[in-house]
Every structure is written in C-alpha cells, then in structure tokens.
Amino acid sequence: MITLKPTVKIFILILLLWIGGHLTFITVDGLRDKKMRADLAVVLGSKVNEDGTLSVRLEKRMECVVNVYRSGRVKKY
C-alpha cells in the first residue's frame, strides 16, 4: 500500500475543500433569481430536431425567456 506524506495529505484536503466550496457557491448562486432588469436576454442554443421542432430542453429555455420578457425584466427595442 502506498503511504502519502502528511504535507501531500494536507494539500489534497485543502484542494478538495476549495473545489467543494466553489461548487457550493456556484450552485447556490445559480439557483437564486435576483429579479434584476437587463438590456438583453441571451438564450444559449440546444438541439433543433430535423423536422424543425424544438427539443424539450430548448423548448423549456424558450418558455423561461418568454416569461422573463413578458415580466418586463428585459428592455423592448
């Protein structure tokens, strides 16, 4: 069995805590909606089916951005 030096163990522990902390922050921040106004809304792409219909994922994204637009959170040009 391979034994690690105490400094390597501490380094690995600090690295894992740092990664875990950042993942937690990104997840919590991404789940909160600050209801702020914006000049522009961007919908990142997803699959459009061969028959021209939207994939389920893209359809849900479009529903979300339409709700944001209708709520007045994005400027009308």
Protein backbone atom coordinates (compact mmCIF):
# COMPACT_ATOMS: atom_id res chain seq x y z
CA MET A 1 0.00 0.00 0.00
CA ILE A 2 1.20 3.49 -0.86
CA THR A 3 1.52 5.92 2.03
CA LEU A 4 1.37 9.65 1.44
CA LYS A 5 3.43 12.23 3.27
CA PRO A 6 1.46 14.43 5.68
CA THR A 7 2.07 17.53 3.52
CA VAL A 8 0.58 15.78 0.47
CA LYS A 9 -2.46 14.72 2.51
CA ILE A 10 -2.97 18.29 3.73
CA PHE A 11 -2.59 19.63 0.19
CA ILE A 12 -5.18 17.16 -1.15
CA LEU A 13 -7.57 18.01 1.70
CA ILE A 14 -7.23 21.76 1.06
CA LEU A 15 -7.73 21.22 -2.68
CA LEU A 16 -10.89 19.16 -2.11
CA LEU A 17 -12.28 21.74 0.33
CA TRP A 18 -11.55 24.54 -2.17
CA ILE A 19 -13.28 22.67 -5.01
CA GLY A 20 -16.24 21.78 -2.78
CA GLY A 21 -16.60 25.38 -1.63
CA HIS A 22 -16.59 26.73 -5.16
CA LEU A 23 -19.09 24.12 -6.37
CA THR A 24 -21.39 25.01 -3.48
CA PHE A 25 -21.12 28.75 -4.19
CA ILE A 26 -21.78 28.32 -7.91
CA THR A 27 -24.79 26.08 -7.25
CA VAL A 28 -26.35 28.36 -4.64
CA ASP A 29 -25.73 31.49 -6.71
CA GLY A 30 -27.15 29.85 -9.83
CA LEU A 31 -30.34 28.78 -8.08
CA ARG A 32 -31.15 32.28 -6.80
CA ASP A 33 -33.05 34.66 -9.06
CA LYS A 34 -32.26 38.26 -8.22
CA LYS A 35 -35.10 39.56 -10.45
CA MET A 36 -32.86 42.26 -11.92
CA ARG A 37 -33.58 44.14 -15.15
CA ALA A 38 -31.38 43.67 -18.21
CA ASP A 39 -30.83 45.32 -21.58
CA LEU A 40 -30.52 41.99 -23.36
CA ALA A 41 -31.51 38.36 -22.88
CA VAL A 42 -29.46 35.59 -24.47
CA VAL A 43 -30.78 32.06 -24.87
CA LEU A 44 -27.96 29.60 -25.37
CA GLY A 45 -28.65 27.06 -28.06
CA SER A 46 -29.67 23.49 -27.90
CA LYS A 47 -30.88 20.89 -30.34
CA VAL A 48 -33.45 21.65 -33.01
CA ASN A 49 -34.95 18.43 -34.33
CA GLU A 50 -34.61 17.52 -38.01
CA ASP A 51 -38.29 18.32 -38.60
CA GLY A 52 -37.71 21.86 -37.29
CA THR A 53 -39.33 21.39 -33.88
CA LEU A 54 -37.54 22.40 -30.73
CA SER A 55 -36.01 19.81 -28.44
CA VAL A 56 -37.57 19.56 -24.99
CA ARG A 57 -34.58 21.33 -23.43
CA LEU A 58 -34.68 24.23 -25.90
CA GLU A 59 -38.46 24.49 -25.56
CA LYS A 60 -38.12 24.88 -21.76
CA ARG A 61 -35.40 27.50 -22.24
CA MET A 62 -37.63 29.44 -24.61
CA GLU A 63 -40.57 29.26 -22.17
CA CYS A 64 -38.33 30.68 -19.45
CA VAL A 65 -37.03 33.58 -21.55
CA VAL A 66 -40.54 34.43 -22.77
CA ASN A 67 -41.67 34.65 -19.14
CA VAL A 68 -38.71 36.92 -18.34
CA TYR A 69 -39.51 39.11 -21.36
CA ARG A 70 -43.23 39.34 -20.55
CA SER A 71 -42.48 40.27 -16.94
CA GLY A 72 -40.70 43.39 -18.20
CA ARG A 73 -37.27 42.39 -16.95
CA VAL A 74 -35.75 42.81 -20.44
CA LYS A 75 -35.97 46.03 -22.45
CA LYS A 76 -38.13 46.15 -25.57
CA TYR A 77 -36.40 47.64 -28.63
